[in-house]
C-alpha cells in the first residue's frame, strides 16, 4: 500500500501547482494513474480523499464515473435488458460485440460523446477532472485507449484517468488481462 500512497503523493504534488503539467501534449491534457485491479475499492476511497485535499488547495476537482457513462450509453440504446436477452440467445461474445458498438459507434451514444459533453459543461477555472471506475469496461467491452485517442483536441481541462491494470515491459494491460491486445497510450503514466 505504501507504493500506492507514494504514487498518490506524487500526483497530488503535480496537481497542486498553479500551472498543471501532467501531460506533454497541450491537445491531450491527460495522465493515467495506474493501480492494481484488486485495489479498486480502496482506490475509490483514495480518489475522493485526494479530491478533498486538492479542493482544500483551491483546485476544482470534478469526478466523472466512467461506469455512469457506460450505463447512460446503454440505457439510451435499449438498456441492459436488451443486451441480456441478446446474450441469452447468442452467447456472451455476441453481446459483448454489440455492447462495444453501442459504446463506440457514432450512430449510437458513444462514451466519447458523453464524456465530451460532460467536459464541455464544466467550468475550466482551475478545474481538474478525475475519471474513475474504468473497470466497468472489462473484459473487452471497450478499449480505454480509444477514449484517449478521441479526446485529443477536444478539451483543455487536465484529466486523470484512474486505470486498473498492470504495467509490464512498458505496456499497460487493462485489468491484468494479459491475453488481450494492449492499447496504445501516449500520455504520462503514474506508476510506482
C-alpha atoms as a PDB file:
ATOM      1  CA  UNK A   1       0.000   0.000   0.000  1.00  0.00           C
ATOM      2  CA  UNK A   2       2.928   2.356   0.575  1.00  0.00           C
ATOM      3  CA  UNK A   3       3.714   2.447  -3.151  1.00  0.00           C
ATOM      4  CA  UNK A   4       0.095   3.441  -3.861  1.00  0.00           C
ATOM      5  CA  UNK A   5       0.374   6.235  -1.315  1.00  0.00           C
ATOM      6  CA  UNK A   6       3.667   7.357  -2.842  1.00  0.00           C
ATOM      7  CA  UNK A   7       2.052   7.454  -6.302  1.00  0.00           C
ATOM      8  CA  UNK A   8      -0.858   9.466  -4.897  1.00  0.00           C
ATOM      9  CA  UNK A   9       1.507  11.887  -3.178  1.00  0.00           C
ATOM     10  CA  UNK A  10       3.363  12.475  -6.459  1.00  0.00           C
ATOM     11  CA  UNK A  11       0.094  13.003  -8.329  1.00  0.00           C
ATOM     12  CA  UNK A  12      -1.167  15.389  -5.649  1.00  0.00           C
ATOM     13  CA  UNK A  13       2.087  17.341  -5.803  1.00  0.00           C
ATOM     14  CA  UNK A  14       1.884  17.618  -9.603  1.00  0.00           C
ATOM     15  CA  UNK A  15      -1.770  18.699  -9.468  1.00  0.00           C
ATOM     16  CA  UNK A  16      -1.118  21.302  -6.772  1.00  0.00           C
ATOM     17  CA  UNK A  17       0.929  23.617  -8.987  1.00  0.00           C
ATOM     18  CA  UNK A  18      -0.677  26.750 -10.413  1.00  0.00           C
ATOM     19  CA  UNK A  19       0.184  25.584 -13.924  1.00  0.00           C
ATOM     20  CA  UNK A  20      -0.626  21.903 -14.130  1.00  0.00           C
ATOM     21  CA  UNK A  21       1.642  19.972 -16.460  1.00  0.00           C
ATOM     22  CA  UNK A  22       0.635  16.315 -16.223  1.00  0.00           C
ATOM     23  CA  UNK A  23       0.834  15.776 -19.967  1.00  0.00           C
ATOM     24  CA  UNK A  24       3.454  16.653 -22.564  1.00  0.00           C
ATOM     25  CA  UNK A  25       0.650  17.420 -25.052  1.00  0.00           C
ATOM     26  CA  UNK A  26      -1.403  20.616 -24.950  1.00  0.00           C
ATOM     27  CA  UNK A  27      -4.160  18.979 -27.005  1.00  0.00           C
ATOM     28  CA  UNK A  28      -4.348  15.862 -24.816  1.00  0.00           C
ATOM     29  CA  UNK A  29      -4.097  17.047 -21.200  1.00  0.00           C
ATOM     30  CA  UNK A  30      -4.499  13.551 -19.775  1.00  0.00           C
ATOM     31  CA  UNK A  31      -2.470  11.386 -17.428  1.00  0.00           C
ATOM     32  CA  UNK A  32      -3.051   7.810 -16.346  1.00  0.00           C
ATOM     33  CA  UNK A  33      -2.827   6.767 -12.732  1.00  0.00           C
ATOM     34  CA  UNK A  34      -2.245   3.005 -12.791  1.00  0.00           C
ATOM     35  CA  UNK A  35      -3.175   0.848  -9.828  1.00  0.00           C
ATOM     36  CA  UNK A  36      -3.614  -2.847  -9.124  1.00  0.00           C
ATOM     37  CA  UNK A  37      -7.150  -4.005 -10.003  1.00  0.00           C
ATOM     38  CA  UNK A  38      -7.572  -5.704  -6.623  1.00  0.00           C
ATOM     39  CA  UNK A  39      -7.292  -2.258  -5.004  1.00  0.00           C
ATOM     40  CA  UNK A  40     -10.438  -0.931  -6.732  1.00  0.00           C
ATOM     41  CA  UNK A  41     -12.486  -0.196  -3.621  1.00  0.00           C
ATOM     42  CA  UNK A  42      -9.507   1.254  -1.754  1.00  0.00           C
ATOM     43  CA  UNK A  43      -8.727   3.373  -4.821  1.00  0.00           C
ATOM     44  CA  UNK A  44     -12.248   4.815  -4.961  1.00  0.00           C
ATOM     45  CA  UNK A  45     -11.840   5.947  -1.361  1.00  0.00           C
ATOM     46  CA  UNK A  46      -8.376   7.391  -2.087  1.00  0.00           C
ATOM     47  CA  UNK A  47      -9.688   9.270  -5.154  1.00  0.00           C
ATOM     48  CA  UNK A  48     -12.316  11.017  -3.025  1.00  0.00           C
ATOM     49  CA  UNK A  49      -9.766  11.850  -0.329  1.00  0.00           C
ATOM     50  CA  UNK A  50      -7.366  13.226  -2.960  1.00  0.00           C
ATOM     51  CA  UNK A  51     -10.185  15.313  -4.439  1.00  0.00           C
ATOM     52  CA  UNK A  52     -10.945  16.756  -1.000  1.00  0.00           C
ATOM     53  CA  UNK A  53      -7.302  17.615  -0.342  1.00  0.00           C
ATOM     54  CA  UNK A  54      -6.975  19.321  -3.720  1.00  0.00           C
ATOM     55  CA  UNK A  55     -10.263  21.187  -3.261  1.00  0.00           C
ATOM     56  CA  UNK A  56      -8.780  22.478   0.010  1.00  0.00           C
ATOM     57  CA  UNK A  57      -5.867  23.783  -2.075  1.00  0.00           C
ATOM     58  CA  UNK A  58      -8.269  25.845  -4.226  1.00  0.00           C
ATOM     59  CA  UNK A  59      -8.495  23.317  -7.045  1.00  0.00           C
ATOM     60  CA  UNK A  60     -11.885  22.476  -8.506  1.00  0.00           C
ATOM     61  CA  UNK A  61     -11.994  18.693  -8.755  1.00  0.00           C
ATOM     62  CA  UNK A  62     -14.736  17.109 -10.851  1.00  0.00           C
ATOM     63  CA  UNK A  63     -15.317  13.366 -10.564  1.00  0.00           C
ATOM     64  CA  UNK A  64     -16.687  11.577 -13.621  1.00  0.00           C
ATOM     65  CA  UNK A  65     -17.587   7.931 -13.270  1.00  0.00           C
ATOM     66  CA  UNK A  66     -16.965   6.008 -16.464  1.00  0.00           C
ATOM     67  CA  UNK A  67     -19.438   3.445 -15.127  1.00  0.00           C
ATOM     68  CA  UNK A  68     -22.144   6.127 -15.113  1.00  0.00           C
ATOM     69  CA  UNK A  69     -21.333   6.998 -18.740  1.00  0.00           C
ATOM     70  CA  UNK A  70     -21.350   3.293 -19.612  1.00  0.00           C
ATOM     71  CA  UNK A  71     -24.845   2.779 -18.195  1.00  0.00           C
ATOM     72  CA  UNK A  72     -26.100   6.028 -19.723  1.00  0.00           C
ATOM     73  CA  UNK A  73     -24.907   4.902 -23.147  1.00  0.00           C
ATOM     74  CA  UNK A  74     -26.583   1.508 -22.751  1.00  0.00           C
ATOM     75  CA  UNK A  75     -29.844   2.957 -21.439  1.00  0.00           C
ATOM     76  CA  UNK A  76     -30.024   5.287 -24.446  1.00  0.00           C
ATOM     77  CA  UNK A  77     -29.858   2.248 -26.737  1.00  0.00           C
ATOM     78  CA  UNK A  78     -32.393  -0.172 -25.293  1.00  0.00           C
ATOM     79  CA  UNK A  79     -30.937  -0.850 -21.863  1.00  0.00           C
ATOM     80  CA  UNK A  80     -29.320  -3.764 -20.092  1.00  0.00           C
ATOM     81  CA  UNK A  81     -32.338  -5.997 -20.670  1.00  0.00           C
ATOM     82  CA  UNK A  82     -31.828  -5.849 -24.431  1.00  0.00           C
ATOM     83  CA  UNK A  83     -28.171  -6.880 -24.084  1.00  0.00           C
ATOM     84  CA  UNK A  84     -29.095  -9.562 -21.570  1.00  0.00           C
ATOM     85  CA  UNK A  85     -31.612 -11.054 -23.993  1.00  0.00           C
ATOM     86  CA  UNK A  86     -29.020 -10.984 -26.763  1.00  0.00           C
ATOM     87  CA  UNK A  87     -26.531 -12.786 -24.520  1.00  0.00           C
ATOM     88  CA  UNK A  88     -29.101 -15.463 -23.651  1.00  0.00           C
ATOM     89  CA  UNK A  89     -29.909 -16.027 -27.298  1.00  0.00           C
ATOM     90  CA  UNK A  90     -26.498 -15.596 -28.957  1.00  0.00           C
ATOM     91  CA  UNK A  91     -23.949 -16.025 -26.114  1.00  0.00           C
ATOM     92  CA  UNK A  92     -21.593 -13.654 -24.323  1.00  0.00           C
ATOM     93  CA  UNK A  93     -19.203 -12.849 -27.181  1.00  0.00           C
ATOM     94  CA  UNK A  94     -22.002 -11.582 -29.424  1.00  0.00           C
ATOM     95  CA  UNK A  95     -23.496  -9.453 -26.645  1.00  0.00           C
ATOM     96  CA  UNK A  96     -20.060  -8.010 -25.891  1.00  0.00           C
ATOM     97  CA  UNK A  97     -19.596  -7.116 -29.582  1.00  0.00           C
ATOM     98  CA  UNK A  98     -22.975  -5.350 -29.561  1.00  0.00           C
ATOM     99  CA  UNK A  99     -22.004  -3.560 -26.370  1.00  0.00           C
ATOM    100  CA  UNK A 100     -18.780  -2.375 -27.984  1.00  0.00           C
ATOM    101  CA  UNK A 101     -20.764  -0.972 -30.928  1.00  0.00           C
ATOM    102  CA  UNK A 102     -23.130   0.872 -28.568  1.00  0.00           C
ATOM    103  CA  UNK A 103     -20.204   2.317 -26.606  1.00  0.00           C
ATOM    104  CA  UNK A 104     -18.135   3.354 -29.633  1.00  0.00           C
ATOM    105  CA  UNK A 105     -20.223   3.822 -32.787  1.00  0.00           C
ATOM    106  CA  UNK A 106     -21.194   7.467 -33.525  1.00  0.00           C
ATOM    107  CA  UNK A 107     -24.602   6.263 -34.746  1.00  0.00           C
ATOM    108  CA  UNK A 108     -25.414   5.340 -31.124  1.00  0.00           C
ATOM    109  CA  UNK A 109     -24.498   7.163 -27.912  1.00  0.00           C
ATOM    110  CA  UNK A 110     -20.768   6.533 -27.631  1.00  0.00           C
ATOM    111  CA  UNK A 111     -18.836   7.025 -24.406  1.00  0.00           C
ATOM    112  CA  UNK A 112     -16.653   9.608 -26.155  1.00  0.00           C
ATOM    113  CA  UNK A 113     -19.652  11.818 -26.947  1.00  0.00           C
ATOM    114  CA  UNK A 114     -20.964  11.579 -23.380  1.00  0.00           C
ATOM    115  CA  UNK A 115     -17.570  12.437 -21.911  1.00  0.00           C
ATOM    116  CA  UNK A 116     -17.051  15.344 -24.306  1.00  0.00           C
ATOM    117  CA  UNK A 117     -20.494  16.747 -23.407  1.00  0.00           C
ATOM    118  CA  UNK A 118     -19.719  16.486 -19.686  1.00  0.00           C
ATOM    119  CA  UNK A 119     -16.344  18.170 -20.098  1.00  0.00           C
ATOM    120  CA  UNK A 120     -17.902  20.993 -22.128  1.00  0.00           C
ATOM    121  CA  UNK A 121     -20.296  21.763 -19.250  1.00  0.00           C
ATOM    122  CA  UNK A 122     -17.508  22.032 -16.675  1.00  0.00           C
ATOM    123  CA  UNK A 123     -16.041  25.388 -15.768  1.00  0.00           C
ATOM    124  CA  UNK A 124     -12.398  25.457 -16.805  1.00  0.00           C
ATOM    125  CA  UNK A 125     -11.428  27.731 -13.926  1.00  0.00           C
ATOM    126  CA  UNK A 126      -8.746  25.827 -12.012  1.00  0.00           C
ATOM    127  CA  UNK A 127     -10.524  22.545 -12.747  1.00  0.00           C
ATOM    128  CA  UNK A 128      -9.105  19.029 -12.837  1.00  0.00           C
ATOM    129  CA  UNK A 129     -11.217  16.030 -13.832  1.00  0.00           C
ATOM    130  CA  UNK A 130     -10.804  12.588 -12.306  1.00  0.00           C
ATOM    131  CA  UNK A 131     -12.120   9.760 -14.488  1.00  0.00           C
ATOM    132  CA  UNK A 132     -12.663   6.647 -12.415  1.00  0.00           C
ATOM    133  CA  UNK A 133     -14.443   3.247 -12.434  1.00  0.00           C
ATOM    134  CA  UNK A 134     -12.834   2.246 -15.731  1.00  0.00           C
ATOM    135  CA  UNK A 135     -13.058  -1.415 -14.703  1.00  0.00           C
ATOM    136  CA  UNK A 136     -16.634  -1.409 -15.994  1.00  0.00           C
ATOM    137  CA  UNK A 137     -15.219  -1.969 -19.489  1.00  0.00           C
ATOM    138  CA  UNK A 138     -13.726  -5.385 -18.604  1.00  0.00           C
ATOM    139  CA  UNK A 139     -13.139  -7.826 -20.045  1.00  0.00           C
ATOM    140  CA  UNK A 140     -13.327  -6.376 -23.544  1.00  0.00           C
ATOM    141  CA  UNK A 141     -16.393  -4.143 -23.845  1.00  0.00           C
ATOM    142  CA  UNK A 142     -14.422  -1.033 -24.750  1.00  0.00           C
ATOM    143  CA  UNK A 143     -10.775  -0.032 -25.148  1.00  0.00           C
ATOM    144  CA  UNK A 144      -9.774   2.894 -22.979  1.00  0.00           C
ATOM    145  CA  UNK A 145      -7.056   3.837 -25.463  1.00  0.00           C
ATOM    146  CA  UNK A 146      -9.856   4.597 -27.957  1.00  0.00           C
ATOM    147  CA  UNK A 147     -11.316   7.062 -25.479  1.00  0.00           C
ATOM    148  CA  UNK A 148      -7.998   8.877 -25.092  1.00  0.00           C
ATOM    149  CA  UNK A 149      -7.391   8.921 -28.849  1.00  0.00           C
ATOM    150  CA  UNK A 150     -10.797  10.505 -29.403  1.00  0.00           C
ATOM    151  CA  UNK A 151     -10.290  13.138 -26.706  1.00  0.00           C
ATOM    152  CA  UNK A 152      -7.215  14.576 -28.421  1.00  0.00           C
ATOM    153  CA  UNK A 153      -8.017  18.209 -29.150  1.00  0.00           C
ATOM    154  CA  UNK A 154     -11.474  18.001 -27.523  1.00  0.00           C
ATOM    155  CA  UNK A 155     -10.659  19.566 -24.143  1.00  0.00           C
ATOM    156  CA  UNK A 156      -8.029  21.621 -22.415  1.00  0.00           C
ATOM    157  CA  UNK A 157      -9.113  20.594 -18.901  1.00  0.00           C
ATOM    158  CA  UNK A 158      -6.456  18.443 -17.197  1.00  0.00           C
ATOM    159  CA  UNK A 159      -7.841  14.930 -16.689  1.00  0.00           C
ATOM    160  CA  UNK A 160      -6.525  11.985 -14.711  1.00  0.00           C
ATOM    161  CA  UNK A 161      -7.737   8.556 -15.758  1.00  0.00           C
ATOM    162  CA  UNK A 162      -7.564   6.081 -12.888  1.00  0.00           C
ATOM    163  CA  UNK A 163      -6.620   2.830 -14.618  1.00  0.00           C
ATOM    164  CA  UNK A 164      -6.868  -0.627 -13.042  1.00  0.00           C
ATOM    165  CA  UNK A 165      -4.177  -2.783 -14.588  1.00  0.00           C
ATOM    166  CA  UNK A 166      -0.532  -3.708 -14.815  1.00  0.00           C
ATOM    167  CA  UNK A 167       2.467  -2.179 -16.483  1.00  0.00           C
ATOM    168  CA  UNK A 168       4.702  -4.886 -17.920  1.00  0.00           C
ATOM    169  CA  UNK A 169       7.619  -4.144 -20.247  1.00  0.00           C
ATOM    170  CA  UNK A 170       6.297  -0.562 -20.598  1.00  0.00           C
ATOM    171  CA  UNK A 171       2.936  -1.857 -21.827  1.00  0.00           C
ATOM    172  CA  UNK A 172      -0.314  -1.269 -19.950  1.00  0.00           C
ATOM    173  CA  UNK A 173      -2.583  -4.272 -19.528  1.00  0.00           C
ATOM    174  CA  UNK A 174      -6.132  -3.359 -18.576  1.00  0.00           C
ATOM    175  CA  UNK A 175      -7.441  -5.322 -15.578  1.00  0.00           C
ATOM    176  CA  UNK A 176      -4.382  -7.633 -15.849  1.00  0.00           C
ATOM    177  CA  UNK A 177      -5.861  -9.205 -18.985  1.00  0.00           C
ATOM    178  CA  UNK A 178      -2.537 -10.232 -20.474  1.00  0.00           C
ATOM    179  CA  UNK A 179      -4.209 -12.250 -23.243  1.00  0.00           C
ATOM    180  CA  UNK A 180      -5.970  -9.152 -24.636  1.00  0.00           C
ATOM    181  CA  UNK A 181      -4.154  -6.879 -27.086  1.00  0.00           C
ATOM    182  CA  UNK A 182      -2.960  -3.828 -25.180  1.00  0.00           C
ATOM    183  CA  UNK A 183      -3.934  -0.308 -26.149  1.00  0.00           C
ATOM    184  CA  UNK A 184      -1.512   2.383 -27.175  1.00  0.00           C
ATOM    185  CA  UNK A 185      -1.205   5.235 -24.691  1.00  0.00           C
ATOM    186  CA  UNK A 186       0.710   8.437 -25.364  1.00  0.00           C
ATOM    187  CA  UNK A 187       0.277  10.156 -22.020  1.00  0.00           C
ATOM    188  CA  UNK A 188       2.138  10.234 -18.726  1.00  0.00           C
ATOM    189  CA  UNK A 189       1.572   7.196 -16.554  1.00  0.00           C
ATOM    190  CA  UNK A 190       1.800   7.428 -12.787  1.00  0.00           C
ATOM    191  CA  UNK A 191       3.232   4.102 -11.759  1.00  0.00           C
ATOM    192  CA  UNK A 192       5.245   3.146  -8.676  1.00  0.00           C
END
